[in-house]
Amino acid sequence: MELLQNAAPNTCFILGLQNFPERVELQDMKTVVIINSKGGSGKSTLAANLAANYALKGRNPAILDLDPQGSSMRWLQNRPDDLPVIHGIAGYEKKSTVTRSWQLQPPEGTDPLIVDTPAGLERTGLAATSRGADAILIPVMPSDIDIHAAVNCISELLLTTKSDMTQKRIGIIANRVRANTRVYGRLERFLRSLDIPLVATFRDSQNYTRSAELGIGISEMPLWQVRKDMGAWKELLSWLDSTLYDSRNVRPLPSRLGVRAVPQMVAPTAS
């Protein structure tokens, strides 16, 4: 307890193997957590492309991959050496040679940290992975099953936080959308019913498949090839910049005892 009370500002505490906090300096790092309890919603694709966009802008992004499938880490392994560096942390691995806090520690100067979460999280997992987030993104696919799963995920997330400030930092992304279809109409009606902003609508595009295979973001592909996709990314990055870096949005650190928390690995519930 004394360690927590004497903590310096901008200090992160990551629970180690013995459940005692270990001190990690994070400076002014921002954290973006990508959440959806349903698998296949596009969390890893979103994490990879978000990191690529921030790297192109001259920031130092890192991806904390908590998903046992390791899709974000595989994308990073395919990334060409001549492109801006993006650090990856395989948070789903358990290493006996180092403490958990050391394994999850982002490099000095990281900003932002992008957290790719696993599917199957229930209330406890949602609380653990979203604690300390500066922004939370929820990608939703246009299908009845995905809409139902998103309703449950958003409800559980809001119940765990019980904070109006947290709700203002949640953004919904309509993912892999085909305009003017009946199912997209249902998705639109669902999103309008929420008191949470729809921050971007990504079209169903093969550009995401191609970029994933190459280890690049679509923003690193030729402009003529991705022109139709870039408008949505401009909208998303504008919302994130306002949420993360606008001084008017500065708020208390959203974790117990006033110290910042980094998302923890929580085993997904078996389906």
Foldseek 3Di string as FASTA:
>chain_A
DVCLLPDDPQWAFEQKPVRDTDTDHADQEAEEEEDFQDPPLCLLLVLLQVQQVVLVVVAAAEEEELAPVCLNVLLLVLEDPVGRDYHYQPLVDDDPVDISCVSRHDDHRHHYYYYRAYHQDALVQLLQQCAQHLAYEYGFELDPVRLVRRVRVVVSNCVNQVDPLHQQRYEYEYEQDDPPDPSVVVVVVSQVVDPHYHQFYAHNDCLSVVSSNNSHHSVPPDCVRCVVGVVRVVSNVVSVCCSRPPPVNDDFRRDPSRHGYHRHRDDHDDD
